[in-house]
Amino acid sequence: MIIDAIIAVCLIVSVLMQEGKSAGLGGLSGETDTVFSRKARGLDALLAKATVFFAILFGVITLVIAKMTA
């Protein structure tokens, strides 16, 4: 359960460190060209992959813990 808690904290941190995907109201006036661009680059790409990894790992470990206690 301790490993599950550590992975949950890592998942939360990886989500919070990501940059927002919406352009806000600036996209309405054409100030940005990334409104519809969902391709992550650089650190954002690494954080997106880390988020998916931690989410899958969290789900698997949580299911294993549930099976062990049932």
Protein backbone atom coordinates (compact mmCIF):
# COMPACT_ATOMS: atom_id res chain seq x y z
CA MET A 1 0.00 0.00 0.00
CA ILE A 2 2.97 2.30 0.60
CA ILE A 3 4.15 1.80 -2.99
CA ASP A 4 0.64 2.60 -4.20
CA ALA A 5 0.64 5.85 -2.21
CA ILE A 6 4.07 6.84 -3.58
CA ILE A 7 2.92 6.18 -7.15
CA ALA A 8 -0.25 8.20 -6.50
CA VAL A 9 1.86 11.16 -5.36
CA CYS A 10 4.08 10.81 -8.45
CA LEU A 11 0.97 10.75 -10.64
CA ILE A 12 -0.40 13.90 -9.02
CA VAL A 13 2.93 15.70 -9.40
CA SER A 14 3.27 14.72 -13.06
CA VAL A 15 -0.24 16.03 -13.79
CA LEU A 16 0.26 19.29 -11.93
CA MET A 17 3.59 20.02 -13.63
CA GLN A 18 2.06 19.86 -17.11
CA GLU A 19 1.23 23.04 -18.94
CA GLY A 20 -2.43 23.84 -19.59
CA LYS A 21 -3.80 22.63 -22.92
CA SER A 22 -6.28 25.45 -23.48
CA ALA A 23 -5.37 28.86 -24.82
CA GLY A 24 -7.99 30.61 -22.73
CA LEU A 25 -9.66 33.69 -24.17
CA GLY A 26 -6.55 34.56 -26.20
CA GLY A 27 -7.51 31.87 -28.69
CA LEU A 28 -10.74 33.65 -29.58
CA SER A 29 -8.97 36.68 -30.99
CA GLY A 30 -6.35 34.68 -32.87
CA GLU A 31 -3.47 35.61 -30.59
CA THR A 32 -2.21 32.07 -30.52
CA ASP A 33 -1.89 29.42 -33.19
CA THR A 34 -1.88 26.47 -30.78
CA VAL A 35 -5.58 26.38 -29.92
CA PHE A 36 -6.19 23.17 -31.82
CA SER A 37 -2.65 21.81 -31.52
CA ARG A 38 -2.55 18.94 -29.05
CA LYS A 39 1.02 17.81 -29.82
CA ALA A 40 3.19 18.07 -26.73
CA ARG A 41 6.84 19.01 -27.12
CA GLY A 42 9.90 18.82 -24.92
CA LEU A 43 9.26 18.62 -21.21
CA ASP A 44 5.50 18.49 -21.77
CA ALA A 45 5.90 15.35 -23.88
CA LEU A 46 7.99 13.72 -21.17
CA LEU A 47 5.47 14.65 -18.50
CA ALA A 48 2.60 13.34 -20.63
CA LYS A 49 4.35 9.98 -21.02
CA ALA A 50 5.19 9.90 -17.30
CA THR A 51 1.55 10.59 -16.47
CA VAL A 52 0.35 7.69 -18.60
CA PHE A 53 3.01 5.41 -17.10
CA PHE A 54 2.14 6.32 -13.50
CA ALA A 55 -1.60 6.04 -14.20
CA ILE A 56 -1.26 2.53 -15.61
CA LEU A 57 1.11 1.49 -12.82
CA PHE A 58 -1.25 2.93 -10.21
CA GLY A 59 -4.21 1.06 -11.69
CA VAL A 60 -2.38 -2.26 -11.87
CA ILE A 61 -0.99 -2.05 -8.35
CA THR A 62 -4.37 -1.00 -6.98
CA LEU A 63 -6.03 -4.01 -8.63
CA VAL A 64 -3.33 -6.33 -7.25
CA ILE A 65 -3.86 -4.94 -3.74
CA ALA A 66 -7.64 -5.37 -4.10
CA LYS A 67 -7.24 -8.99 -5.21
CA MET A 68 -4.84 -9.73 -2.33
CA THR A 69 -7.21 -8.36 0.31
CA ALA A 70 -10.37 -9.95 -1.06
